[in-house]
Amino acid sequence: MRTFGLIGDPVAHSLSPAMHRAGFAAIGASASYDLVRVPADEPAAVGIEMRRLAAGGGGNVTVPHKRVAALAVDHPSATVTALGSCNCFWEMEAGIVAGDNTDVTGICRSLDAHLAGRPPGRVLVLGAGGAAGAAALSVALLGASKVLIANRTGERARDLATRLQTIDVAVECLDGSPTGVFDLIINATSLGLRDEDPLPAGFDRLSVGLILDLVYGHQRTAWLLAADAAGIECIDGREVLLQQGAACYPHWFGVEAPLDAMRSALYRDQN
């Protein structure tokens, strides 16, 4: 029995166990996938849990530990090094933990399915953490003309913009609440995880053609429902979860992921 898990805080809401257990069954793998809560104020425990899981299989890392995970792996991918963020890990050989950022693959695949080869255009990324970095890199790879970053802490937004100077697209920080016209807006904050959270952005001062919410639940988030009501095309965060999870299987098992089985598990409760 191989052991996998998701490290983060919070993790109780995660649909990853259901998705991966269905995937493991579909490929005939004898493996488990569990939730591992490491409190946000205990970053030193992240590396310990990663090595424990990697010794038996591997796993994933979610907020707020992706930056710590990037420092904890022995063999980071080029994407992990560029973003300073890791969400997928496994043991390459005895005692050597490798890491990748499959969020980039997941976002690219999800967007490309909607854009059908068109570049994303002018993009607004909400947030400045690991998910925001992956979002910015993803749209750059898809040919975005400009990426603007909005975050409640301006210093973190500027730090991310500096880190992204190596990508081939103009990246700027926004001061204050975002306004204007965008082809795509991506919510890369944690707003929406809790029912009492405010919307990451309203649509009264924004014009947008497509939104992607990286936050997900068993049903569509409040932000997606608001976008639906405003007639805006939406991408559910579960699709990104699916695609980034699928990108882990070549690392973990050396095979392509069973997308149909994994997607069925994610949308089982959808009305």
Protein backbone atom coordinates (compact mmCIF):
# COMPACT_ATOMS: atom_id res chain seq x y z
CA MET A 1 0.00 0.00 0.00
CA ARG A 2 1.50 3.34 -1.08
CA THR A 3 0.62 6.43 0.94
CA PHE A 4 -0.24 9.88 -0.39
CA GLY A 5 -1.72 12.95 1.23
CA LEU A 6 -2.52 16.64 1.09
CA ILE A 7 -0.64 18.98 3.45
CA GLY A 8 -2.19 22.35 4.24
CA ASP A 9 -4.32 24.46 6.56
CA PRO A 10 -7.26 24.27 6.12
CA VAL A 11 -7.68 20.90 4.40
CA ALA A 12 -11.02 19.58 5.70
CA HIS A 13 -12.87 21.06 2.71
CA SER A 14 -10.63 19.39 0.13
CA LEU A 15 -12.04 17.17 -2.60
CA SER A 16 -8.57 15.78 -3.37
CA PRO A 17 -9.04 12.52 -1.41
CA ALA A 18 -12.22 11.60 -3.30
CA MET A 19 -10.64 12.54 -6.64
CA HIS A 20 -7.40 10.66 -6.10
CA ARG A 21 -8.96 7.60 -4.50
CA ALA A 22 -11.12 7.26 -7.61
CA GLY A 23 -8.03 7.75 -9.76
CA PHE A 24 -6.02 5.18 -7.85
CA ALA A 25 -8.82 2.63 -8.18
CA ALA A 26 -9.10 3.28 -11.92
CA ILE A 27 -5.41 2.56 -12.56
CA GLY A 28 -5.38 -0.40 -10.18
CA ALA A 29 -2.98 1.20 -7.71
CA SER A 30 -2.89 -0.04 -4.12
CA ALA A 31 -2.68 3.40 -2.52
CA SER A 32 -4.32 5.67 0.04
CA TYR A 33 -4.79 9.45 0.03
CA ASP A 34 -5.41 11.33 3.26
CA LEU A 35 -5.59 14.87 4.61
CA VAL A 36 -2.70 16.15 6.71
CA ARG A 37 -3.39 19.42 8.50
CA VAL A 38 -0.24 21.30 9.41
CA PRO A 39 -1.19 24.55 11.18
CA ALA A 40 -0.16 27.73 9.41
CA ASP A 41 2.09 28.71 12.32
CA GLU A 42 4.07 25.44 12.18
CA PRO A 43 5.96 25.64 8.87
CA ALA A 44 8.82 23.49 10.16
CA ALA A 45 6.46 20.52 10.24
CA VAL A 46 5.79 20.76 6.51
CA GLY A 47 9.12 19.26 5.45
CA ILE A 48 8.78 16.50 8.06
CA GLU A 49 5.35 15.50 6.74
CA MET A 50 6.52 15.72 3.12
CA ARG A 51 9.38 13.30 3.79
CA ARG A 52 7.11 10.94 5.69
CA LEU A 53 4.63 10.78 2.82
CA ALA A 54 7.28 10.72 0.10
CA ALA A 55 8.88 7.66 1.65
CA GLY A 56 5.65 5.79 0.94
CA GLY A 57 4.48 7.54 -2.22
CA GLY A 58 4.14 11.31 -2.29
CA GLY A 59 1.47 13.95 -2.14
CA ASN A 60 0.37 17.52 -2.56
CA VAL A 61 0.72 20.80 -0.71
CA THR A 62 -1.89 23.54 -0.53
CA VAL A 63 -2.23 26.94 1.20
CA PRO A 64 -0.43 28.30 3.09
CA HIS A 65 2.56 25.98 2.74
CA LYS A 66 3.51 25.96 -0.95
CA ARG A 67 6.45 28.33 -0.46
CA VAL A 68 7.78 26.31 2.45
CA ALA A 69 7.39 23.15 0.38
CA ALA A 70 9.50 24.68 -2.40
CA LEU A 71 12.35 25.07 0.08
CA ALA A 72 11.87 21.61 1.56
CA VAL A 73 12.32 19.53 -1.62
CA ASP A 74 15.77 18.27 -2.59
CA HIS A 75 15.15 18.32 -6.33
CA PRO A 76 12.80 21.15 -7.39
CA SER A 77 11.57 21.42 -10.98
CA ALA A 78 12.38 24.53 -13.01
CA THR A 79 8.83 25.76 -12.37
CA VAL A 80 9.21 25.38 -8.60
CA THR A 81 12.47 27.31 -8.73
CA ALA A 82 10.96 30.08 -10.86
CA LEU A 83 7.86 30.53 -8.71
CA GLY A 84 9.18 29.57 -5.28
CA SER A 85 6.07 27.41 -4.91
CA CYS A 86 5.58 23.61 -4.86
CA ASN A 87 2.32 21.68 -4.77
CA CYS A 88 3.35 18.15 -5.81
CA PHE A 89 6.12 15.95 -4.38
CA TRP A 90 7.42 12.39 -4.52
CA GLU A 91 10.53 10.38 -3.72
CA MET A 92 12.94 10.16 -6.67
CA GLU A 93 15.22 7.71 -4.88
CA ALA A 94 15.82 6.74 -1.29
CA GLY A 95 15.79 9.90 0.82
CA ILE A 96 15.62 12.30 -2.15
CA VAL A 97 12.35 14.25 -2.44
CA ALA A 98 11.47 15.89 -5.76
CA GLY A 99 8.85 18.58 -6.29
CA ASP A 100 6.91 20.19 -9.10
CA ASN A 101 4.27 22.88 -9.50
CA THR A 102 1.44 21.20 -11.36
CA ASP A 103 -0.84 24.19 -10.67
CA VAL A 104 0.63 25.77 -13.81
CA THR A 105 -0.31 22.74 -15.91
CA GLY A 106 -3.77 22.62 -14.36
CA ILE A 107 -4.51 26.29 -15.01
CA CYS A 108 -3.14 26.15 -18.56
CA ARG A 109 -5.21 23.10 -19.47
CA SER A 110 -8.38 24.51 -17.91
CA LEU A 111 -8.04 27.88 -19.64
CA ASP A 112 -7.03 26.43 -22.98
CA ALA A 113 -10.18 24.31 -23.03
CA HIS A 114 -12.24 27.54 -22.89
CA LEU A 115 -10.01 29.81 -24.96
CA ALA A 116 -9.65 27.26 -27.78
CA GLY A 117 -6.20 28.50 -28.72
CA ARG A 118 -6.91 32.22 -28.30
CA PRO A 119 -4.47 34.16 -26.10
CA PRO A 120 -5.93 35.31 -22.75
CA GLY A 121 -5.39 39.03 -23.52
CA ARG A 122 -5.42 41.43 -20.58
CA VAL A 123 -5.52 39.46 -17.33
CA LEU A 124 -6.17 40.46 -13.71
CA VAL A 125 -4.86 38.10 -11.02
CA LEU A 126 -6.32 38.55 -7.54
CA GLY A 127 -3.83 37.54 -4.85
CA ALA A 128 -0.06 37.34 -4.48
CA GLY A 129 0.68 33.89 -3.07
CA GLY A 130 1.78 30.67 -4.71
CA ALA A 131 -1.48 30.23 -6.62
CA ALA A 132 -1.24 33.78 -7.99
CA GLY A 133 2.28 33.13 -9.22
CA ALA A 134 1.14 29.95 -10.96
CA ALA A 135 -1.79 31.84 -12.51
CA ALA A 136 0.46 34.62 -13.82
CA LEU A 137 2.95 32.17 -15.31
CA SER A 138 0.13 30.14 -16.86
CA VAL A 139 -1.44 33.05 -18.71
CA ALA A 140 2.01 34.18 -19.83
CA LEU A 141 2.61 30.74 -21.35
CA LEU A 142 -0.76 31.02 -23.11
CA GLY A 143 0.21 34.37 -24.65
CA ALA A 144 -1.37 37.01 -22.39
CA SER A 145 -0.63 40.58 -23.49
CA LYS A 146 -0.53 41.96 -19.93
CA VAL A 147 -0.90 40.67 -16.37
CA LEU A 148 -2.01 42.91 -13.50
CA ILE A 149 -1.78 41.76 -9.90
CA ALA A 150 -4.10 43.05 -7.18
CA ASN A 151 -3.57 42.10 -3.54
CA ARG A 152 -4.62 43.61 -0.23
CA THR A 153 -0.94 43.70 0.78
CA GLY A 154 0.85 45.77 -1.81
CA GLU A 155 4.30 44.62 -0.71
CA ARG A 156 3.49 40.98 -1.48
CA ALA A 157 2.11 41.95 -4.88
CA ARG A 158 5.29 43.88 -5.71
CA ASP A 159 7.40 40.94 -4.53
CA LEU A 160 5.51 38.60 -6.84
CA ALA A 161 5.80 41.03 -9.77
CA THR A 162 9.56 41.18 -9.21
CA ARG A 163 9.79 37.38 -9.13
CA LEU A 164 7.88 37.21 -12.41
CA GLN A 165 10.16 39.61 -14.28
CA THR A 166 11.74 36.63 -16.01
CA ILE A 167 8.52 35.66 -17.80
CA ASP A 168 7.81 37.03 -21.25
CA VAL A 169 4.86 39.29 -20.45
CA ALA A 170 4.37 42.69 -18.85
CA VAL A 171 3.46 42.33 -15.16
CA GLU A 172 2.21 45.27 -13.11
CA CYS A 173 0.76 45.80 -9.62
CA LEU A 174 -2.50 47.60 -9.01
CA ASP A 175 -3.00 49.94 -6.07
CA GLY A 176 -6.46 50.00 -4.56
CA SER A 177 -9.54 48.19 -5.81
CA PRO A 178 -9.29 46.95 -9.40
CA THR A 179 -11.41 48.63 -12.07
CA GLY A 180 -11.49 48.58 -15.84
CA VAL A 181 -11.76 46.12 -18.69
CA PHE A 182 -10.17 42.67 -18.58
CA ASP A 183 -10.40 39.65 -20.82
CA LEU A 184 -9.84 37.32 -17.87
CA ILE A 185 -9.88 37.60 -14.07
CA ILE A 186 -8.46 34.83 -11.88
CA ASN A 187 -9.24 34.56 -8.18
CA ALA A 188 -6.03 33.23 -6.62
CA THR A 189 -6.92 34.35 -3.08
CA SER A 190 -8.47 32.11 -0.42
CA LEU A 191 -11.69 34.15 -0.41
CA GLY A 192 -14.60 31.81 -0.89
CA LEU A 193 -13.34 28.96 1.26
CA ARG A 194 -15.70 30.07 4.05
CA ASP A 195 -19.37 30.92 3.63
CA GLU A 196 -18.88 34.27 5.39
CA ASP A 197 -16.08 35.42 3.07
CA PRO A 198 -16.72 38.51 0.91
CA LEU A 199 -16.47 38.14 -2.85
CA PRO A 200 -12.89 38.50 -4.12
CA ALA A 201 -14.13 41.17 -6.54
CA GLY A 202 -17.45 42.69 -7.55
CA PHE A 203 -18.51 43.29 -11.13
CA ASP A 204 -19.97 46.77 -10.83
CA ARG A 205 -16.65 48.46 -11.70
CA LEU A 206 -15.17 45.67 -13.79
CA SER A 207 -15.84 44.50 -17.32
CA VAL A 208 -14.66 40.96 -17.96
CA GLY A 209 -15.19 38.22 -20.53
CA LEU A 210 -14.12 35.17 -18.51
CA ILE A 211 -13.39 34.40 -14.85
CA LEU A 212 -11.58 31.52 -13.21
CA ASP A 213 -12.06 30.86 -9.51
CA LEU A 214 -9.24 28.73 -8.08
CA VAL A 215 -11.29 28.31 -4.90
CA TYR A 216 -13.74 25.43 -5.15
CA GLY A 217 -16.34 23.53 -3.19
CA HIS A 218 -18.90 20.78 -3.71
CA GLN A 219 -21.00 23.38 -5.52
CA ARG A 220 -20.16 26.53 -7.44
CA THR A 221 -18.71 29.30 -5.30
CA ALA A 222 -20.58 32.51 -4.50
CA TRP A 223 -18.27 34.39 -6.88
CA LEU A 224 -19.12 32.05 -9.75
CA LEU A 225 -22.82 32.40 -8.99
CA ALA A 226 -22.48 36.21 -9.03
CA ALA A 227 -20.65 36.01 -12.35
CA ASP A 228 -23.35 33.74 -13.75
CA ALA A 229 -25.97 36.31 -12.73
CA ALA A 230 -23.95 39.00 -14.52
CA GLY A 231 -23.76 36.89 -17.69
CA ILE A 232 -20.01 36.26 -17.41
CA GLU A 233 -18.45 33.01 -18.62
CA CYS A 234 -16.93 31.04 -15.72
CA ILE A 235 -14.47 28.22 -15.06
CA ASP A 236 -15.05 26.23 -11.88
CA GLY A 237 -11.99 25.67 -9.69
CA ARG A 238 -12.72 21.97 -9.62
CA GLU A 239 -11.53 21.76 -13.21
CA VAL A 240 -8.15 23.18 -12.20
CA LEU A 241 -8.04 20.79 -9.23
CA LEU A 242 -8.68 17.93 -11.64
CA GLN A 243 -6.05 18.97 -14.16
CA GLN A 244 -3.32 19.75 -11.63
CA GLY A 245 -4.06 16.47 -9.87
CA ALA A 246 -3.88 14.58 -13.14
CA ALA A 247 -0.47 16.11 -13.85
CA CYS A 248 0.85 14.39 -10.69
CA TYR A 249 0.28 10.83 -11.97
CA PRO A 250 3.29 10.68 -14.31
CA HIS A 251 5.44 11.69 -11.34
CA TRP A 252 3.79 9.31 -8.88
CA PHE A 253 3.03 6.27 -11.04
CA GLY A 254 4.64 6.85 -14.46
CA VAL A 255 1.20 6.73 -16.16
CA GLU A 256 -1.38 9.19 -17.45
CA ALA A 257 -4.23 9.96 -15.08
CA PRO A 258 -7.74 8.50 -15.54
CA LEU A 259 -9.50 11.85 -16.06
CA ASP A 260 -13.03 10.49 -16.45
CA ALA A 261 -12.97 8.62 -13.15
CA MET A 262 -11.43 11.56 -11.32
CA ARG A 263 -13.88 14.08 -12.83
CA SER A 264 -16.86 11.91 -11.86
CA ALA A 265 -15.67 11.87 -8.24
CA LEU A 266 -15.29 15.68 -8.19
CA TYR A 267 -18.73 16.46 -9.61
CA ARG A 268 -20.67 13.66 -7.92
CA ASP A 269 -22.61 16.08 -5.71
CA GLN A 270 -23.27 18.66 -8.44
CA ASN A 271 -26.94 19.51 -8.89
